Structure formats: structure tokens, C-alpha cells
N, C-alpha and C. Protein backbone atom coordinates (compact mmCIF):
# COMPACT_ATOMS: atom_id res chain seq x y z
N UNK A 1 -9.09 2.36 -8.67
CA UNK A 1 -8.70 2.85 -7.70
C UNK A 1 -7.32 2.35 -7.64
N UNK A 2 -6.49 2.82 -7.36
CA UNK A 2 -4.97 2.71 -7.15
C UNK A 2 -4.45 2.89 -5.85
N UNK A 3 -3.97 1.53 -5.16
CA UNK A 3 -3.66 0.82 -3.82
C UNK A 3 -2.18 0.97 -4.01
N UNK A 4 -1.41 1.73 -2.33
CA UNK A 4 -0.20 1.41 -2.10
C UNK A 4 -0.11 0.78 -0.73
N UNK A 5 0.19 -0.73 -0.62
CA UNK A 5 0.25 -1.20 0.42
C UNK A 5 1.33 -1.57 0.64
N UNK A 6 1.70 -0.62 2.37
CA UNK A 6 2.62 -1.01 2.89
C UNK A 6 3.02 -1.60 4.67
N UNK A 7 3.94 -2.64 4.42
CA UNK A 7 4.13 -3.34 5.87
C UNK A 7 4.47 -2.24 6.38
N UNK A 8 3.72 -1.97 7.50
CA UNK A 8 4.08 -0.93 8.52
C UNK A 8 4.23 -1.26 9.90
N UNK A 9 4.33 -2.93 10.22
CA UNK A 9 4.56 -3.51 11.57
C UNK A 9 5.45 -3.02 11.98
N UNK A 10 6.69 -2.59 11.46
CA UNK A 10 8.24 -2.34 11.85
C UNK A 10 7.97 -1.08 11.39
N UNK A 11 8.99 0.11 11.62
CA UNK A 11 9.63 1.22 11.03
C UNK A 11 8.80 1.88 10.01
N UNK A 12 7.66 2.08 10.54
CA UNK A 12 6.50 3.07 9.42
C UNK A 12 6.87 3.99 8.82
N UNK A 13 7.33 4.85 9.72
CA UNK A 13 7.44 6.47 9.00
C UNK A 13 8.31 6.30 7.47
N UNK A 14 9.30 5.58 7.77
CA UNK A 14 10.82 5.51 7.10
C UNK A 14 10.32 4.59 5.85
N UNK A 15 9.08 3.95 6.14
CA UNK A 15 8.51 2.71 4.84
C UNK A 15 7.73 3.91 4.14
N UNK A 16 6.74 4.32 4.87
CA UNK A 16 6.05 4.84 3.86
C UNK A 16 6.28 5.97 3.38
N UNK A 17 7.58 6.89 3.85
CA UNK A 17 8.39 7.68 3.02
C UNK A 17 8.39 7.51 1.99
N UNK A 18 9.29 6.15 2.32
CA UNK A 18 10.09 5.96 1.04
C UNK A 18 9.17 5.38 -0.28
N UNK A 19 8.17 5.06 0.04
CA UNK A 19 6.76 4.22 -0.50
C UNK A 19 5.79 5.74 -1.24
N UNK A 20 6.17 6.87 -0.31
CA UNK A 20 5.35 7.80 -1.45
C UNK A 20 5.88 8.71 -1.93
N UNK A 21 7.57 8.24 -1.65
CA UNK A 21 8.56 9.10 -2.75
C UNK A 21 8.42 8.49 -4.28
N UNK A 22 8.66 7.01 -3.86
CA UNK A 22 8.29 6.41 -5.33
C UNK A 22 6.97 6.45 -6.08
N UNK A 23 5.69 6.29 -5.25
CA UNK A 23 4.55 6.73 -6.14
C UNK A 23 4.65 8.15 -6.53
N UNK A 24 5.41 9.31 -6.18
CA UNK A 24 5.59 10.51 -6.81
C UNK A 24 6.60 10.40 -7.75
N UNK A 25 7.62 9.25 -7.49
CA UNK A 25 8.41 9.28 -8.82
C UNK A 25 7.63 8.66 -10.25
N UNK A 26 6.56 7.82 -9.64
CA UNK A 26 6.03 6.92 -10.73
C UNK A 26 4.72 8.46 -11.53
N UNK A 27 4.32 9.24 -10.74
CA UNK A 27 3.55 10.37 -10.88
C UNK A 27 2.12 9.46 -10.91
N UNK A 28 1.91 8.61 -10.53
CA UNK A 28 0.36 8.67 -9.29
C UNK A 28 -0.23 9.80 -8.74
N UNK A 29 -1.65 9.46 -9.31
CA UNK A 29 -2.29 10.46 -8.31
C UNK A 29 -3.64 9.77 -7.90
N UNK A 30 -4.28 9.97 -6.84
CA UNK A 30 -5.41 9.78 -6.60
C UNK A 30 -5.48 8.37 -6.52
N UNK A 31 -4.13 7.81 -5.19
CA UNK A 31 -4.15 7.01 -4.70
C UNK A 31 -4.42 6.86 -2.98
N UNK A 32 -4.58 5.62 -3.19
CA UNK A 32 -5.17 5.31 -1.22
C UNK A 32 -3.99 4.14 -0.81
N UNK A 33 -3.24 4.44 0.65
CA UNK A 33 -2.30 3.67 1.18
C UNK A 33 -3.11 2.30 1.73
N UNK A 34 -2.50 1.37 1.79
CA UNK A 34 -3.02 0.13 2.79
C UNK A 34 -1.88 0.36 3.74
N UNK A 35 -2.36 0.12 5.22
CA UNK A 35 -1.15 -0.04 6.41
C UNK A 35 -2.03 -0.92 7.30
N UNK A 36 -0.92 -1.34 8.20
CA UNK A 36 -1.01 -2.27 9.02
C UNK A 36 -1.50 -1.44 10.92
N UNK A 37 -1.17 -0.25 10.99
CA UNK A 37 -1.54 0.13 11.69
C UNK A 37 -2.10 1.48 12.06
N UNK A 38 -3.08 2.02 13.28
CA UNK A 38 -3.38 3.39 13.55
C UNK A 38 -2.51 4.45 13.12
N UNK A 39 -1.15 4.03 13.76
CA UNK A 39 0.01 5.27 13.84
C UNK A 39 -0.03 5.70 12.42
N UNK A 40 0.62 4.80 11.84
CA UNK A 40 0.66 4.75 9.99
C UNK A 40 -0.70 5.80 9.64
N UNK A 41 -1.91 5.73 10.13
CA UNK A 41 -3.52 6.34 9.52
C UNK A 41 -3.27 7.43 9.83
N UNK A 42 -2.41 7.84 11.18
CA UNK A 42 -2.13 9.25 11.54
C UNK A 42 -1.37 10.02 11.15
N UNK A 43 -0.42 9.27 10.73
CA UNK A 43 0.85 10.16 10.03
C UNK A 43 0.87 10.83 8.36
N UNK A 44 -0.17 9.15 7.82
CA UNK A 44 -0.85 9.73 6.24
C UNK A 44 -1.44 10.82 6.34
N UNK A 45 -2.60 10.94 7.47
CA UNK A 45 -3.48 11.32 7.15
C UNK A 45 -2.97 13.14 7.29
N UNK A 46 -1.93 13.49 8.64
CA UNK A 46 -1.13 14.45 8.85
C UNK A 46 -0.32 14.97 7.32
N UNK A 47 -0.14 14.10 6.78
CA UNK A 47 0.90 14.43 5.48
C UNK A 47 -0.54 14.69 4.28
N UNK A 48 -1.67 14.68 4.33
CA UNK A 48 -2.51 14.69 3.31
C UNK A 48 -3.30 13.77 2.72
N UNK A 49 -2.42 12.57 3.40
CA UNK A 49 -3.18 11.23 2.29
C UNK A 49 -3.94 10.63 2.87
N UNK A 50 -5.12 10.08 2.17
CA UNK A 50 -5.80 8.60 2.85
C UNK A 50 -5.36 7.63 3.20
N UNK A 51 -5.77 6.57 4.02
CA UNK A 51 -5.31 5.46 3.86
C UNK A 51 -6.52 4.07 4.68
N UNK A 52 -6.18 3.03 4.83
CA UNK A 52 -7.07 2.27 5.05
C UNK A 52 -6.22 1.25 5.96
N UNK A 53 -6.71 0.40 7.32
CA UNK A 53 -5.59 -0.34 7.93
C UNK A 53 -6.72 -1.67 7.43
N UNK A 54 -5.23 -2.40 7.33
CA UNK A 54 -5.09 -3.74 6.70
C UNK A 54 -4.97 -4.56 8.30
N UNK A 55 -4.69 -5.79 8.43
CA UNK A 55 -4.73 -6.78 9.24
C UNK A 55 -3.38 -7.51 8.92
N UNK A 56 -3.15 -8.20 7.54
CA UNK A 56 -1.69 -8.35 6.84
C UNK A 56 -2.23 -7.93 5.56
N UNK A 57 -1.51 -8.90 4.98
CA UNK A 57 -1.12 -8.31 2.97
C UNK A 57 -2.19 -8.99 2.44
N UNK A 58 -2.58 -10.39 2.85
CA UNK A 58 -3.88 -10.73 2.72
C UNK A 58 -5.12 -10.26 2.24
N UNK A 59 -5.29 -9.44 3.65
CA UNK A 59 -6.57 -8.61 3.33
C UNK A 59 -6.60 -7.68 2.17
N UNK A 60 -5.19 -7.29 1.06
CA UNK A 60 -5.93 -6.82 0.05
C UNK A 60 -6.78 -7.30 -0.64
N UNK A 61 -7.16 -9.07 -0.98
CA UNK A 61 -8.73 -9.15 -1.39
C UNK A 61 -10.02 -8.55 -0.97
N UNK A 62 -9.99 -7.85 0.34
CA UNK A 62 -10.69 -7.52 0.58
C UNK A 62 -11.16 -6.07 0.51
N UNK A 63 -10.20 -5.28 -0.29
CA UNK A 63 -10.23 -4.29 -0.91
C UNK A 63 -10.40 -4.37 -1.91
N UNK A 64 -9.22 -4.56 -3.03
CA UNK A 64 -9.12 -4.46 -4.04
C UNK A 64 -10.01 -5.31 -5.27
N UNK A 65 -10.02 -4.47 -6.19
CA UNK A 65 -11.06 -6.04 -7.53
C UNK A 65 -9.80 -6.05 -8.48
N UNK A 66 -10.06 -6.55 -9.34
CA UNK A 66 -9.11 -7.07 -10.23
C UNK A 66 -9.15 -5.74 -11.50
N UNK A 67 -9.56 -4.52 -11.13
CA UNK A 67 -9.53 -3.33 -12.55
C UNK A 67 -8.74 -2.76 -11.40
N UNK A 68 -8.43 -2.88 -10.03
CA UNK A 68 -7.37 -1.98 -9.37
C UNK A 68 -5.95 -2.19 -9.53
N UNK A 69 -5.50 -0.94 -9.59
CA UNK A 69 -4.01 -1.29 -9.53
C UNK A 69 -3.38 -1.25 -8.33
N UNK A 70 -2.44 -2.62 -8.02
CA UNK A 70 -2.02 -2.35 -7.16
C UNK A 70 -0.55 -2.17 -6.74
N UNK A 71 0.37 -1.39 -5.93
CA UNK A 71 1.85 -0.93 -5.71
C UNK A 71 1.88 -1.47 -4.39
N UNK A 72 2.92 -2.49 -4.15
CA UNK A 72 2.80 -2.92 -2.60
C UNK A 72 5.01 -2.82 -2.26
N UNK A 73 4.88 -3.00 -1.03
CA UNK A 73 5.84 -2.68 -0.41
C UNK A 73 6.50 -3.69 1.05
N UNK A 74 6.28 -5.05 0.54
CA UNK A 74 6.56 -5.49 1.56
C UNK A 74 7.54 -6.92 1.59
N UNK A 75 8.06 -8.10 2.60
CA UNK A 75 8.83 -8.87 2.56
C UNK A 75 7.97 -10.02 2.82
N UNK A 76 6.83 -9.92 2.85
CA UNK A 76 6.00 -11.03 2.86
C UNK A 76 5.80 -11.88 1.71
N UNK A 77 5.24 -12.71 1.73
CA UNK A 77 5.04 -13.57 0.74
C UNK A 77 4.43 -13.24 -0.84
N UNK A 78 4.35 -12.74 -1.58
CA UNK A 78 3.71 -11.88 -2.69
C UNK A 78 3.14 -12.98 -3.67
N UNK A 79 3.37 -14.17 -3.36
CA UNK A 79 2.93 -14.80 -5.07
C UNK A 79 1.21 -15.01 -4.93
N UNK A 80 0.62 -14.77 -3.94
CA UNK A 80 -0.98 -14.84 -3.98
C UNK A 80 -1.29 -13.74 -5.16
N UNK A 81 -0.50 -12.61 -4.28
CA UNK A 81 -1.02 -11.47 -4.94
C UNK A 81 -0.46 -10.69 -7.17
N UNK A 82 0.60 -12.03 -7.05
CA UNK A 82 1.21 -12.39 -8.47
C UNK A 82 0.23 -12.50 -9.38
N UNK A 83 -0.51 -13.86 -8.70
CA UNK A 83 -1.51 -14.41 -9.15
C UNK A 83 -2.92 -14.21 -9.58
N UNK A 84 -3.41 -13.41 -8.90
CA UNK A 84 -4.74 -13.26 -8.76
C UNK A 84 -4.63 -11.43 -9.17
N UNK A 85 -4.20 -10.84 -9.23
CA UNK A 85 -3.54 -9.27 -9.51
C UNK A 85 -2.82 -9.12 -10.53
N UNK A 86 -3.36 -9.23 -12.15
CA UNK A 86 -1.89 -9.11 -13.49
C UNK A 86 -1.75 -7.27 -12.91
N UNK A 87 -2.79 -6.44 -12.28
CA UNK A 87 -2.02 -5.11 -12.14
C UNK A 87 -1.42 -4.74 -10.90
N UNK A 88 -0.65 -5.22 -10.50
CA UNK A 88 0.16 -5.78 -9.06
C UNK A 88 1.65 -5.17 -9.16
N UNK A 89 2.50 -4.61 -8.70
CA UNK A 89 3.97 -4.14 -8.61
C UNK A 89 4.32 -4.09 -7.49
N UNK A 90 5.73 -4.83 -7.39
CA UNK A 90 6.32 -4.50 -6.22
C UNK A 90 7.24 -3.20 -6.63
N UNK A 91 7.08 -2.53 -5.69
CA UNK A 91 7.69 -0.87 -5.32
C UNK A 91 9.14 -1.41 -4.51
């Protein structure tokens, strides 16, 4: 599975639209968004995308496995993701 984590605590619509455009430009298909709030889930659902609510970036460990591809857009510390997931990339 391919996941796209977006830190949606502030300015969620612009962040989601930016991540979605990057995903489309990368040619990604069959991906799921990981977001921080219910507003973002509703917004993505209206656009036809599936998403999962996470409390924080660290919760990625509860969802993704080492076989998954993870793209992320956040200002949070990403060192733990780089160490744990070789299939991760900041977008």
C-alpha cells in the first residue's frame, strides 16, 4: 500500500491539495491519505479519496509496514521515519 501523510493541524485544505497534486505528478495510484483531523477526512471523501485519522506523525508506525511506500509532508521531526522506512520520501 502507498500512504501519504499530511500534517493537517493548520491550513489543511492547501496542504492536502498540494500533496494531492504532487501525488498525481508522481503518477501514484491506489494510495491512502494519513491526516490529523476529521475535517480533512471529510474534505478528502468529497474529492473521492480514502484517508485515515492519525493523532501524530509517529502513529505512522501503527499503520504502515516496511513493505509499504510512505510519502509525507510535514514540518515535524522525520528522522524516525527515515530510519525505520527505507521506502519513505518527503514531498
